[in-house]
Amino acid sequence: MNQLNPTRFYVYMYVDPRTGTPFYVGKGTGPRVNVHLKETSKNTKNRRKFNRIQELLALGLKPTIIYHTVNLEESDALLLETSLIKHYGRMYLDVGGVLTNVLDNPNATSVEIKENTRKLMSAIAKERLKNPKNHPAYGKKSSEETRMRLRESHLGKTHSEETKRRMSETHKLKCLEDPSLVERMTNANYGNKYTLGRRPWNYGKRKCQQ
């Protein structure tokens, strides 16, 4: 590796020594590359990166730090950093992603940061709820009184045209992903005492409406 110029930028990667896979990409000057090792649970701005480092340290290991490219102008370092993040992908946010980076553009505005954070939280929640046991209502049963109140609270209510459109689009997407969804929902609802023994409106619609 070329000798580091303290006034110029470099791009680095934190690599998990157990797998040889990068889990964080960053850019900086001077001692920036080592700052992550000194973070605490109170001052870290990236909990997933912090947890990975702490996991390794607890096992008596240290992240492997690789200088990808050194002695760059800041603009070039930013472009390379962004390119590497998009190449490896971010966990939960990009298909097959392995990085703990939250942003794919480190130079993002505060609005973009909030939007990325929202997407990340949503993606993590969806991944967690793939296991039904993680659902807060798992194993809990509502009382007969509660179920009747819920039913009565929805009687007579109608959705706006915009809400209907959004519900339709969501349903079509889910149906395309799982063509058996409509049939399973129909069969599950048939005979429900709240339907008074009537066939649901979508009975027999086995294919998604295009």
Protein backbone atom coordinates (compact mmCIF):
# COMPACT_ATOMS: atom_id res chain seq x y z
CA MET A 1 0.00 0.00 0.00
CA ASN A 2 1.21 3.51 -0.82
CA GLN A 3 2.14 5.67 2.15
CA LEU A 4 -0.82 7.62 3.49
CA ASN A 5 -0.83 11.32 2.84
CA PRO A 6 -2.43 12.91 5.96
CA THR A 7 -3.98 15.69 3.88
CA ARG A 8 -5.67 13.40 1.38
CA PHE A 9 -8.54 10.91 1.64
CA TYR A 10 -8.71 7.15 1.61
CA VAL A 11 -11.52 4.60 1.29
CA TYR A 12 -11.51 1.67 3.71
CA MET A 13 -13.51 -1.45 4.48
CA TYR A 14 -14.16 -3.31 7.71
CA VAL A 15 -14.12 -7.05 7.01
CA ASP A 16 -15.47 -9.87 9.17
CA PRO A 17 -12.43 -12.16 9.71
CA ARG A 18 -14.72 -15.17 10.08
CA THR A 19 -16.10 -14.92 6.56
CA GLY A 20 -13.81 -12.52 4.73
CA THR A 21 -16.89 -10.45 3.82
CA PRO A 22 -16.91 -6.64 4.18
CA PHE A 23 -19.52 -5.31 6.60
CA TYR A 24 -18.78 -1.59 6.45
CA VAL A 25 -17.35 0.85 3.90
CA GLY A 26 -16.16 4.36 4.75
CA LYS A 27 -13.88 7.19 3.76
CA GLY A 28 -11.72 9.54 5.79
CA THR A 29 -8.37 11.10 6.56
CA GLY A 30 -5.87 10.63 9.35
CA PRO A 31 -7.10 8.32 12.16
CA ARG A 32 -10.72 8.23 10.94
CA VAL A 33 -10.44 4.54 10.07
CA ASN A 34 -9.99 3.58 13.75
CA VAL A 35 -12.79 5.72 15.19
CA HIS A 36 -15.35 2.90 14.92
CA LEU A 37 -13.34 0.73 17.32
CA LYS A 38 -13.65 3.40 20.02
CA GLU A 39 -17.40 3.95 19.73
CA THR A 40 -19.71 3.19 22.65
CA SER A 41 -23.38 2.27 22.78
CA LYS A 42 -24.13 5.87 23.72
CA ASN A 43 -22.27 7.71 20.97
CA THR A 44 -22.54 5.33 18.01
CA LYS A 45 -24.61 6.52 15.06
CA ASN A 46 -24.79 3.09 13.46
CA ARG A 47 -26.08 0.45 15.84
CA ARG A 48 -25.71 -2.48 13.43
CA LYS A 49 -22.07 -1.69 12.70
CA PHE A 50 -21.41 -1.19 16.42
CA ASN A 51 -23.05 -4.53 17.30
CA ARG A 52 -21.01 -6.39 14.69
CA ILE A 53 -17.76 -4.97 16.01
CA GLN A 54 -18.74 -5.77 19.61
CA GLU A 55 -19.69 -9.30 18.57
CA LEU A 56 -16.22 -9.83 17.11
CA LEU A 57 -14.46 -8.32 20.12
CA ALA A 58 -16.46 -10.56 22.46
CA LEU A 59 -15.08 -13.56 20.54
CA GLY A 60 -11.53 -12.29 20.91
CA LEU A 61 -11.44 -11.18 17.26
CA LYS A 62 -10.94 -7.84 15.57
CA PRO A 63 -12.33 -6.58 12.26
CA THR A 64 -9.88 -6.76 9.41
CA ILE A 65 -9.34 -3.20 8.13
CA ILE A 66 -8.53 -2.88 4.45
CA TYR A 67 -7.50 0.34 2.75
CA HIS A 68 -9.17 0.00 -0.62
CA THR A 69 -7.63 3.12 -2.20
CA VAL A 70 -5.52 5.90 -0.68
CA ASN A 71 -4.36 9.46 -1.46
CA LEU A 72 -7.58 10.61 -3.10
CA GLU A 73 -9.30 13.94 -3.46
CA GLU A 74 -12.39 14.08 -1.25
CA SER A 75 -14.75 14.10 -4.24
CA ASP A 76 -13.09 10.99 -5.69
CA ALA A 77 -13.18 9.24 -2.30
CA LEU A 78 -16.89 9.98 -2.00
CA LEU A 79 -17.60 8.57 -5.45
CA LEU A 80 -15.62 5.41 -4.71
CA GLU A 81 -17.26 4.95 -1.32
CA THR A 82 -20.71 5.28 -2.85
CA SER A 83 -19.78 2.86 -5.64
CA LEU A 84 -18.54 0.21 -3.18
CA ILE A 85 -21.65 0.52 -1.01
CA LYS A 86 -23.87 -0.02 -4.04
CA HIS A 87 -21.67 -2.90 -5.20
CA TYR A 88 -21.83 -4.85 -1.92
CA GLY A 89 -25.33 -3.68 -0.96
CA ARG A 90 -26.78 -2.84 2.44
CA MET A 91 -28.35 -5.46 4.70
CA TYR A 92 -32.17 -5.40 4.68
CA LEU A 93 -32.24 -2.53 2.15
CA ASP A 94 -30.60 -4.06 -0.93
CA VAL A 95 -31.09 -7.55 -2.34
CA GLY A 96 -28.22 -9.73 -1.14
CA GLY A 97 -26.68 -6.80 0.73
CA VAL A 98 -23.96 -7.48 3.32
CA LEU A 99 -23.01 -4.02 4.60
CA THR A 100 -24.18 -2.37 7.81
CA ASN A 101 -24.05 1.05 6.15
CA VAL A 102 -27.37 2.88 6.42
CA LEU A 103 -26.91 5.24 3.47
CA ASP A 104 -25.97 4.38 -0.08
CA ASN A 105 -25.03 8.02 -0.58
CA PRO A 106 -22.85 9.22 2.35
CA ASN A 107 -23.39 12.81 1.21
CA ALA A 108 -27.18 12.56 1.62
CA THR A 109 -29.32 15.39 2.94
CA SER A 110 -31.10 15.21 6.30
CA VAL A 111 -34.36 14.43 4.52
CA GLU A 112 -32.75 11.53 2.65
CA ILE A 113 -31.19 10.27 5.87
CA LYS A 114 -34.61 10.20 7.57
CA GLU A 115 -36.15 8.41 4.59
CA ASN A 116 -33.35 5.80 4.54
CA THR A 117 -33.71 5.28 8.28
CA ARG A 118 -37.47 4.80 7.87
CA LYS A 119 -36.93 2.25 5.11
CA LEU A 120 -34.33 0.43 7.20
CA MET A 121 -36.62 0.19 10.23
CA SER A 122 -39.45 -1.04 8.02
CA ALA A 123 -37.25 -3.66 6.35
CA ILE A 124 -35.95 -4.94 9.69
CA ALA A 125 -39.48 -5.17 11.07
CA LYS A 126 -40.71 -7.10 8.01
CA GLU A 127 -37.76 -9.50 8.26
CA ARG A 128 -38.46 -10.04 11.96
CA LEU A 129 -42.17 -10.69 11.41
CA LYS A 130 -41.48 -13.43 8.86
CA ASN A 131 -41.43 -15.61 11.96
CA PRO A 132 -45.03 -15.53 13.30
CA LYS A 133 -43.76 -16.02 16.85
CA ASN A 134 -42.23 -12.54 16.73
CA HIS A 135 -45.62 -10.91 16.20
CA PRO A 136 -46.76 -9.08 19.36
CA ALA A 137 -50.17 -10.77 19.14
CA TYR A 138 -48.76 -14.30 18.72
CA GLY A 139 -50.41 -16.74 21.11
CA LYS A 140 -52.89 -14.16 22.37
CA LYS A 141 -56.64 -14.56 21.91
CA SER A 142 -59.13 -11.73 21.98
CA SER A 143 -62.19 -12.18 24.12
CA GLU A 144 -65.58 -12.66 22.48
CA GLU A 145 -66.58 -9.20 23.69
CA THR A 146 -63.50 -7.59 22.13
CA ARG A 147 -64.09 -9.30 18.79
CA MET A 148 -67.72 -8.20 18.73
CA ARG A 149 -66.71 -4.61 19.50
CA LEU A 150 -64.18 -4.65 16.66
CA ARG A 151 -66.79 -6.01 14.29
CA GLU A 152 -69.37 -3.42 15.30
CA SER A 153 -66.85 -0.59 15.03
CA HIS A 154 -66.34 -1.42 11.34
CA LEU A 155 -69.98 -1.85 10.38
CA GLY A 156 -71.21 0.84 8.00
CA LYS A 157 -67.75 2.27 7.36
CA THR A 158 -66.68 2.90 3.78
CA HIS A 159 -63.28 3.55 2.27
CA SER A 160 -62.43 6.53 0.09
CA GLU A 161 -61.73 5.90 -3.58
CA GLU A 162 -58.02 6.59 -3.00
CA THR A 163 -57.89 4.07 -0.14
CA LYS A 164 -59.70 1.50 -2.29
CA ARG A 165 -57.19 2.05 -5.10
CA ARG A 166 -54.24 1.56 -2.76
CA MET A 167 -55.76 -1.56 -1.21
CA SER A 168 -56.38 -2.96 -4.68
CA GLU A 169 -52.80 -2.34 -5.78
CA THR A 170 -51.42 -3.92 -2.62
CA HIS A 171 -53.67 -6.94 -3.03
CA LYS A 172 -52.67 -7.41 -6.68
CA LEU A 173 -48.98 -7.28 -5.75
CA LYS A 174 -49.40 -9.86 -2.98
CA CYS A 175 -51.46 -12.04 -5.27
CA LEU A 176 -48.84 -11.96 -7.99
CA GLU A 177 -46.22 -13.02 -5.44
CA ASP A 178 -48.45 -15.83 -4.15
CA PRO A 179 -51.24 -16.85 -6.61
CA SER A 180 -52.86 -19.11 -3.98
CA LEU A 181 -53.46 -16.21 -1.60
CA VAL A 182 -57.04 -15.44 -2.68
CA GLU A 183 -58.14 -19.05 -2.46
CA ARG A 184 -56.59 -19.51 0.98
CA MET A 185 -58.19 -16.31 2.30
CA THR A 186 -61.56 -17.32 0.87
CA ASN A 187 -61.44 -20.79 2.40
CA ALA A 188 -60.30 -19.37 5.74
CA ASN A 189 -63.25 -16.97 5.91
CA TYR A 190 -65.94 -19.39 4.76
CA GLY A 191 -68.00 -20.58 7.67
CA ASN A 192 -66.80 -17.78 9.94
CA LYS A 193 -69.73 -16.97 12.23
CA TYR A 194 -69.28 -13.27 11.52
CA THR A 195 -70.07 -13.89 7.85
CA LEU A 196 -73.33 -15.54 8.91
CA GLY A 197 -72.56 -18.59 6.79
CA ARG A 198 -72.47 -16.60 3.53
CA ARG A 199 -69.77 -17.07 0.94
CA PRO A 200 -67.33 -14.11 0.93
CA TRP A 201 -67.62 -11.73 -2.01
CA ASN A 202 -64.39 -13.04 -3.53
CA TYR A 203 -65.29 -16.73 -3.35
CA GLY A 204 -64.16 -18.55 -6.46
CA LYS A 205 -61.82 -15.79 -7.64
CA ARG A 206 -58.75 -17.94 -7.84
CA LYS A 207 -56.69 -15.63 -10.05
CA CYS A 208 -55.46 -12.12 -9.52
CA GLN A 209 -57.39 -9.41 -11.29
CA GLN A 210 -55.07 -7.61 -13.70
